[in-house]
PDB file of N, CA and C in Angstrom:
ATOM      1  N   MET A   1     -19.723  30.956  60.167  1.00  0.00           N
ATOM      2  CA  MET A   1     -19.684  29.579  60.578  1.00  0.00           C
ATOM      3  C   MET A   1     -20.007  29.489  62.067  1.00  0.00           C
ATOM      4  N   SER A   2     -20.945  28.633  62.440  1.00  0.00           N
ATOM      5  CA  SER A   2     -21.338  28.541  63.836  1.00  0.00           C
ATOM      6  C   SER A   2     -20.422  27.578  64.587  1.00  0.00           C
ATOM      7  N   GLU A   3     -20.281  27.867  65.856  1.00  0.00           N
ATOM      8  CA  GLU A   3     -19.428  27.072  66.719  1.00  0.00           C
ATOM      9  C   GLU A   3     -20.214  25.871  67.245  1.00  0.00           C
ATOM     10  N   ILE A   4     -19.533  24.781  67.494  1.00  0.00           N
ATOM     11  CA  ILE A   4     -20.176  23.588  68.034  1.00  0.00           C
ATOM     12  C   ILE A   4     -20.490  23.820  69.508  1.00  0.00           C
ATOM     13  N   GLN A   5     -21.714  23.467  69.904  1.00  0.00           N
ATOM     14  CA  GLN A   5     -22.126  23.554  71.294  1.00  0.00           C
ATOM     15  C   GLN A   5     -22.194  22.146  71.860  1.00  0.00           C
ATOM     16  N   GLU A   6     -21.605  21.957  73.037  1.00  0.00           N
ATOM     17  CA  GLU A   6     -21.558  20.631  73.650  1.00  0.00           C
ATOM     18  C   GLU A   6     -21.995  20.698  75.105  1.00  0.00           C
ATOM     19  N   ILE A   7     -22.680  19.652  75.528  1.00  0.00           N
ATOM     20  CA  ILE A   7     -22.946  19.435  76.946  1.00  0.00           C
ATOM     21  C   ILE A   7     -22.402  18.053  77.267  1.00  0.00           C
ATOM     22  N   GLU A   8     -21.403  18.005  78.125  1.00  0.00           N
ATOM     23  CA  GLU A   8     -20.830  16.736  78.566  1.00  0.00           C
ATOM     24  C   GLU A   8     -21.431  16.413  79.930  1.00  0.00           C
ATOM     25  N   VAL A   9     -21.940  15.201  80.090  1.00  0.00           N
ATOM     26  CA  VAL A   9     -22.529  14.763  81.348  1.00  0.00           C
ATOM     27  C   VAL A   9     -21.581  13.746  81.984  1.00  0.00           C
ATOM     28  N   VAL A  10     -21.149  14.045  83.210  1.00  0.00           N
ATOM     29  CA  VAL A  10     -20.240  13.161  83.939  1.00  0.00           C
ATOM     30  C   VAL A  10     -20.955  12.718  85.213  1.00  0.00           C
ATOM     31  N   ILE A  11     -21.028  11.392  85.409  1.00  0.00           N
ATOM     32  CA  ILE A  11     -21.652  10.843  86.611  1.00  0.00           C
ATOM     33  C   ILE A  11     -20.570  10.067  87.372  1.00  0.00           C
ATOM     34  N   ASP A  12     -20.336  10.485  88.619  1.00  0.00           N
ATOM     35  CA  ASP A  12     -19.289   9.808  89.388  1.00  0.00           C
ATOM     36  C   ASP A  12     -19.844   8.559  90.074  1.00  0.00           C
ATOM     37  N   GLU A  13     -18.981   7.846  90.793  1.00  0.00           N
ATOM     38  CA  GLU A  13     -19.364   6.586  91.419  1.00  0.00           C
ATOM     39  C   GLU A  13     -20.417   6.747  92.517  1.00  0.00           C
ATOM     40  N   LEU A  14     -20.603   7.959  93.036  1.00  0.00           N
ATOM     41  CA  LEU A  14     -21.627   8.221  94.050  1.00  0.00           C
ATOM     42  C   LEU A  14     -22.951   8.680  93.437  1.00  0.00           C
ATOM     43  N   GLY A  15     -22.978   8.826  92.106  1.00  0.00           N
ATOM     44  CA  GLY A  15     -24.190   9.260  91.421  1.00  0.00           C
ATOM     45  C   GLY A  15     -24.299  10.758  91.257  1.00  0.00           C
ATOM     46  N   ASN A  16     -23.275  11.480  91.668  1.00  0.00           N
ATOM     47  CA  ASN A  16     -23.269  12.930  91.456  1.00  0.00           C
ATOM     48  C   ASN A  16     -23.083  13.221  89.979  1.00  0.00           C
ATOM     49  N   VAL A  17     -23.811  14.203  89.494  1.00  0.00           N
ATOM     50  CA  VAL A  17     -23.784  14.544  88.071  1.00  0.00           C
ATOM     51  C   VAL A  17     -23.133  15.903  87.887  1.00  0.00           C
ATOM     52  N   LYS A  18     -22.250  15.984  86.904  1.00  0.00           N
ATOM     53  CA  LYS A  18     -21.613  17.250  86.544  1.00  0.00           C
ATOM     54  C   LYS A  18     -21.909  17.511  85.077  1.00  0.00           C
ATOM     55  N   LEU A  19     -22.398  18.711  84.771  1.00  0.00           N
ATOM     56  CA  LEU A  19     -22.653  19.113  83.395  1.00  0.00           C
ATOM     57  C   LEU A  19     -21.580  20.106  82.981  1.00  0.00           C
ATOM     58  N   LEU A  20     -20.891  19.811  81.913  1.00  0.00           N
ATOM     59  CA  LEU A  20     -19.849  20.694  81.386  1.00  0.00           C
ATOM     60  C   LEU A  20     -20.332  21.224  80.044  1.00  0.00           C
ATOM     61  N   VAL A  21     -20.429  22.547  79.928  1.00  0.00           N
ATOM     62  CA  VAL A  21     -20.953  23.173  78.715  1.00  0.00           C
ATOM     63  C   VAL A  21     -19.798  23.862  77.987  1.00  0.00           C
ATOM     64  N   ARG A  22     -19.710  23.600  76.691  1.00  0.00           N
ATOM     65  CA  ARG A  22     -18.662  24.221  75.862  1.00  0.00           C
ATOM     66  C   ARG A  22     -19.290  24.817  74.608  1.00  0.00           C
ATOM     67  N   GLY A  23     -18.715  25.918  74.145  1.00  0.00           N
ATOM     68  CA  GLY A  23     -19.156  26.520  72.895  1.00  0.00           C
ATOM     69  C   GLY A  23     -20.390  27.389  73.027  1.00  0.00           C
ATOM     70  N   VAL A  24     -20.737  27.765  74.261  1.00  0.00           N
ATOM     71  CA  VAL A  24     -21.916  28.601  74.495  1.00  0.00           C
ATOM     72  C   VAL A  24     -21.472  29.842  75.247  1.00  0.00           C
ATOM     73  N   LYS A  25     -21.718  31.002  74.663  1.00  0.00           N
ATOM     74  CA  LYS A  25     -21.325  32.257  75.300  1.00  0.00           C
ATOM     75  C   LYS A  25     -22.474  32.831  76.111  1.00  0.00           C
ATOM     76  N   GLY A  26     -22.127  33.515  77.173  1.00  0.00           N
ATOM     77  CA  GLY A  26     -23.130  34.185  77.991  1.00  0.00           C
ATOM     78  C   GLY A  26     -23.938  33.209  78.822  1.00  0.00           C
ATOM     79  N   GLN A  27     -25.083  33.671  79.266  1.00  0.00           N
ATOM     80  CA  GLN A  27     -25.917  32.885  80.170  1.00  0.00           C
ATOM     81  C   GLN A  27     -26.801  31.877  79.453  1.00  0.00           C
ATOM     82  N   SER A  28     -26.639  31.733  78.147  1.00  0.00           N
ATOM     83  CA  SER A  28     -27.423  30.756  77.384  1.00  0.00           C
ATOM     84  C   SER A  28     -27.207  29.337  77.885  1.00  0.00           C
ATOM     85  N   CYS A  29     -26.050  29.086  78.493  1.00  0.00           N
ATOM     86  CA  CYS A  29     -25.770  27.746  79.005  1.00  0.00           C
ATOM     87  C   CYS A  29     -26.767  27.356  80.095  1.00  0.00           C
ATOM     88  N   LEU A  30     -27.235  28.334  80.861  1.00  0.00           N
ATOM     89  CA  LEU A  30     -28.203  28.043  81.916  1.00  0.00           C
ATOM     90  C   LEU A  30     -29.521  27.563  81.324  1.00  0.00           C
ATOM     91  N   GLU A  31     -29.905  28.143  80.202  1.00  0.00           N
ATOM     92  CA  GLU A  31     -31.124  27.709  79.518  1.00  0.00           C
ATOM     93  C   GLU A  31     -30.955  26.300  78.950  1.00  0.00           C
ATOM     94  N   LEU A  32     -29.771  26.018  78.415  1.00  0.00           N
ATOM     95  CA  LEU A  32     -29.512  24.701  77.825  1.00  0.00           C
ATOM     96  C   LEU A  32     -29.543  23.592  78.871  1.00  0.00           C
ATOM     97  N   THR A  33     -29.065  23.870  80.064  1.00  0.00           N
ATOM     98  CA  THR A  33     -28.962  22.829  81.074  1.00  0.00           C
ATOM     99  C   THR A  33     -30.177  22.757  82.004  1.00  0.00           C
ATOM    100  N   SER A  34     -31.053  23.745  81.975  1.00  0.00           N
ATOM    101  CA  SER A  34     -32.165  23.770  82.929  1.00  0.00           C
ATOM    102  C   SER A  34     -33.073  22.543  82.801  1.00  0.00           C
ATOM    103  N   GLU A  35     -33.380  22.119  81.583  1.00  0.00           N
ATOM    104  CA  GLU A  35     -34.247  20.957  81.411  1.00  0.00           C
ATOM    105  C   GLU A  35     -33.569  19.687  81.910  1.00  0.00           C
ATOM    106  N   ILE A  36     -32.290  19.551  81.652  1.00  0.00           N
ATOM    107  CA  ILE A  36     -31.549  18.379  82.137  1.00  0.00           C
ATOM    108  C   ILE A  36     -31.558  18.370  83.665  1.00  0.00           C
ATOM    109  N   GLU A  37     -31.327  19.536  84.274  1.00  0.00           N
ATOM    110  CA  GLU A  37     -31.332  19.633  85.737  1.00  0.00           C
ATOM    111  C   GLU A  37     -32.695  19.234  86.300  1.00  0.00           C
ATOM    112  N   GLN A  38     -33.772  19.664  85.652  1.00  0.00           N
ATOM    113  CA  GLN A  38     -35.124  19.318  86.116  1.00  0.00           C
ATOM    114  C   GLN A  38     -35.379  17.817  85.988  1.00  0.00           C
ATOM    115  N   LEU A  39     -34.950  17.237  84.873  1.00  0.00           N
ATOM    116  CA  LEU A  39     -35.157  15.800  84.658  1.00  0.00           C
ATOM    117  C   LEU A  39     -34.389  14.955  85.674  1.00  0.00           C
ATOM    118  N   LEU A  40     -33.219  15.441  86.078  1.00  0.00           N
ATOM    119  CA  LEU A  40     -32.425  14.710  87.068  1.00  0.00           C
ATOM    120  C   LEU A  40     -33.062  14.780  88.453  1.00  0.00           C
ATOM    121  N   GLY A  41     -33.853  15.829  88.705  1.00  0.00           N
ATOM    122  CA  GLY A  41     -34.631  15.919  89.929  1.00  0.00           C
ATOM    123  C   GLY A  41     -33.862  16.251  91.193  1.00  0.00           C
ATOM    124  N   GLY A  42     -32.596  16.489  91.091  1.00  0.00           N
ATOM    125  CA  GLY A  42     -31.821  16.852  92.275  1.00  0.00           C
ATOM    126  C   GLY A  42     -31.708  18.347  92.410  1.00  0.00           C
ATOM    127  N   GLN A  43     -30.830  18.769  93.263  1.00  0.00           N
ATOM    128  CA  GLN A  43     -30.588  20.194  93.399  1.00  0.00           C
ATOM    129  C   GLN A  43     -29.176  20.516  92.947  1.00  0.00           C
ATOM    130  N   VAL A  44     -29.009  21.732  92.452  1.00  0.00           N
ATOM    131  CA  VAL A  44     -27.694  22.190  92.013  1.00  0.00           C
ATOM    132  C   VAL A  44     -26.897  22.554  93.257  1.00  0.00           C
ATOM    133  N   LEU A  45     -25.783  21.884  93.459  1.00  0.00           N
ATOM    134  CA  LEU A  45     -24.955  22.141  94.629  1.00  0.00           C
ATOM    135  C   LEU A  45     -23.919  23.222  94.375  1.00  0.00           C
ATOM    136  N   GLU A  46     -23.499  23.332  93.119  1.00  0.00           N
ATOM    137  CA  GLU A  46     -22.432  24.285  92.803  1.00  0.00           C
ATOM    138  C   GLU A  46     -22.474  24.603  91.318  1.00  0.00           C
ATOM    139  N   ARG A  47     -22.139  25.843  90.990  1.00  0.00           N
ATOM    140  CA  ARG A  47     -21.942  26.253  89.599  1.00  0.00           C
ATOM    141  C   ARG A  47     -20.568  26.889  89.484  1.00  0.00           C
ATOM    142  N   GLN A  48     -19.863  26.497  88.462  1.00  0.00           N
ATOM    143  CA  GLN A  48     -18.581  27.121  88.161  1.00  0.00           C
ATOM    144  C   GLN A  48     -18.682  27.690  86.760  1.00  0.00           C
ATOM    145  N   ASN A  49     -18.689  28.994  86.669  1.00  0.00           N
ATOM    146  CA  ASN A  49     -18.820  29.642  85.367  1.00  0.00           C
ATOM    147  C   ASN A  49     -17.475  29.668  84.656  1.00  0.00           C
ATOM    148  N   THR A  50     -17.515  29.365  83.367  1.00  0.00           N
ATOM    149  CA  THR A  50     -16.309  29.392  82.547  1.00  0.00           C
ATOM    150  C   THR A  50     -16.085  30.794  82.003  1.00  0.00           C
ATOM    151  N   ASP A  51     -14.988  30.991  81.327  1.00  0.00           N
ATOM    152  CA  ASP A  51     -14.724  32.278  80.685  1.00  0.00           C
ATOM    153  C   ASP A  51     -15.792  32.598  79.651  1.00  0.00           C
ATOM    154  N   GLU A  52     -16.302  31.568  78.970  1.00  0.00           N
ATOM    155  CA  GLU A  52     -17.356  31.775  77.967  1.00  0.00           C
ATOM    156  C   GLU A  52     -18.622  32.354  78.581  1.00  0.00           C
ATOM    157  N   PHE A  53     -18.912  32.013  79.826  1.00  0.00           N
ATOM    158  CA  PHE A  53     -20.099  32.524  80.508  1.00  0.00           C
ATOM    159  C   PHE A  53     -20.056  34.047  80.585  1.00  0.00           C
ATOM    160  N   HIS A  54     -18.855  34.593  80.717  1.00  0.00           N
ATOM    161  CA  HIS A  54     -18.685  36.036  80.885  1.00  0.00           C
ATOM    162  C   HIS A  54     -18.572  36.782  79.556  1.00  0.00           C
ATOM    163  N   GLU A  55     -18.610  36.040  78.436  1.00  0.00           N
ATOM    164  CA  GLU A  55     -18.583  36.666  77.117  1.00  0.00           C
ATOM    165  C   GLU A  55     -20.001  37.018  76.686  1.00  0.00           C
ATOM    166  N   VAL A  56     -20.119  37.987  75.806  1.00  0.00           N
ATOM    167  CA  VAL A  56     -21.426  38.378  75.282  1.00  0.00           C
ATOM    168  C   VAL A  56     -21.750  37.473  74.104  1.00  0.00           C
ATOM    169  N   SER A  57     -22.912  36.826  74.164  1.00  0.00           N
ATOM    170  CA  SER A  57     -23.329  35.958  73.062  1.00  0.00           C
ATOM    171  C   SER A  57     -23.800  36.820  71.897  1.00  0.00           C
ATOM    172  N   ASP A  58     -23.895  36.219  70.710  1.00  0.00           N
ATOM    173  CA  ASP A  58     -24.376  36.943  69.532  1.00  0.00           C
ATOM    174  C   ASP A  58     -25.790  37.451  69.759  1.00  0.00           C
ATOM    175  N   LEU A  59     -26.631  36.647  70.411  1.00  0.00           N
ATOM    176  CA  LEU A  59     -28.006  37.040  70.687  1.00  0.00           C
ATOM    177  C   LEU A  59     -28.044  38.230  71.650  1.00  0.00           C
ATOM    178  N   GLN A  60     -27.222  38.198  72.697  1.00  0.00           N
ATOM    179  CA  GLN A  60     -27.157  39.314  73.634  1.00  0.00           C
ATOM    180  C   GLN A  60     -26.647  40.563  72.931  1.00  0.00           C
ATOM    181  N   ASP A  61     -25.665  40.382  72.046  1.00  0.00           N
ATOM    182  CA  ASP A  61     -25.099  41.502  71.313  1.00  0.00           C
ATOM    183  C   ASP A  61     -26.165  42.160  70.432  1.00  0.00           C
ATOM    184  N   ASP A  62     -26.988  41.334  69.752  1.00  0.00           N
ATOM    185  CA  ASP A  62     -28.067  41.859  68.915  1.00  0.00           C
ATOM    186  C   ASP A  62     -29.077  42.634  69.753  1.00  0.00           C
ATOM    187  N   ARG A  63     -29.418  42.125  70.919  1.00  0.00           N
ATOM    188  CA  ARG A  63     -30.383  42.805  71.789  1.00  0.00           C
ATOM    189  C   ARG A  63     -29.846  44.158  72.247  1.00  0.00           C
ATOM    190  N   LEU A  64     -28.563  44.187  72.588  1.00  0.00           N
ATOM    191  CA  LEU A  64     -27.966  45.453  73.030  1.00  0.00           C
ATOM    192  C   LEU A  64     -27.916  46.455  71.880  1.00  0.00           C
ATOM    193  N   SER A  65     -27.618  46.005  70.680  1.00  0.00           N
ATOM    194  CA  SER A  65     -27.533  46.892  69.517  1.00  0.00           C
ATOM    195  C   SER A  65     -28.888  47.485  69.174  1.00  0.00           C
ATOM    196  N   ASN A  66     -29.951  46.713  69.343  1.00  0.00           N
ATOM    197  CA  ASN A  66     -31.285  47.182  68.982  1.00  0.00           C
ATOM    198  C   ASN A  66     -31.883  48.124  70.015  1.00  0.00           C
ATOM    199  N   ARG A  67     -31.276  48.258  71.156  1.00  0.00           N
ATOM    200  CA  ARG A  67     -31.803  49.143  72.194  1.00  0.00           C
ATOM    201  C   ARG A  67     -31.529  50.606  71.870  1.00  0.00           C
ATOM    202  N   PHE A  68     -30.540  50.863  71.065  1.00  0.00           N
ATOM    203  CA  PHE A  68     -30.136  52.257  70.820  1.00  0.00           C
ATOM    204  C   PHE A  68     -30.422  52.697  69.391  1.00  0.00           C
TER     205      PHE A  68
END
């Protein structure tokens, strides 16, 4: 059973945008948000990696298994 992947977009009263990614392991979240970041046209001021960012995704796990 696959886990639900979510991107929550929060825009504050000054127009600052925060993207919150849930249900995505590893660095895949960067790929998911890159297009949104480009469309917004601003610059990334800060990144806060979650615990999920430091987990190995299924895709990364498959790549590591196939190397040996």
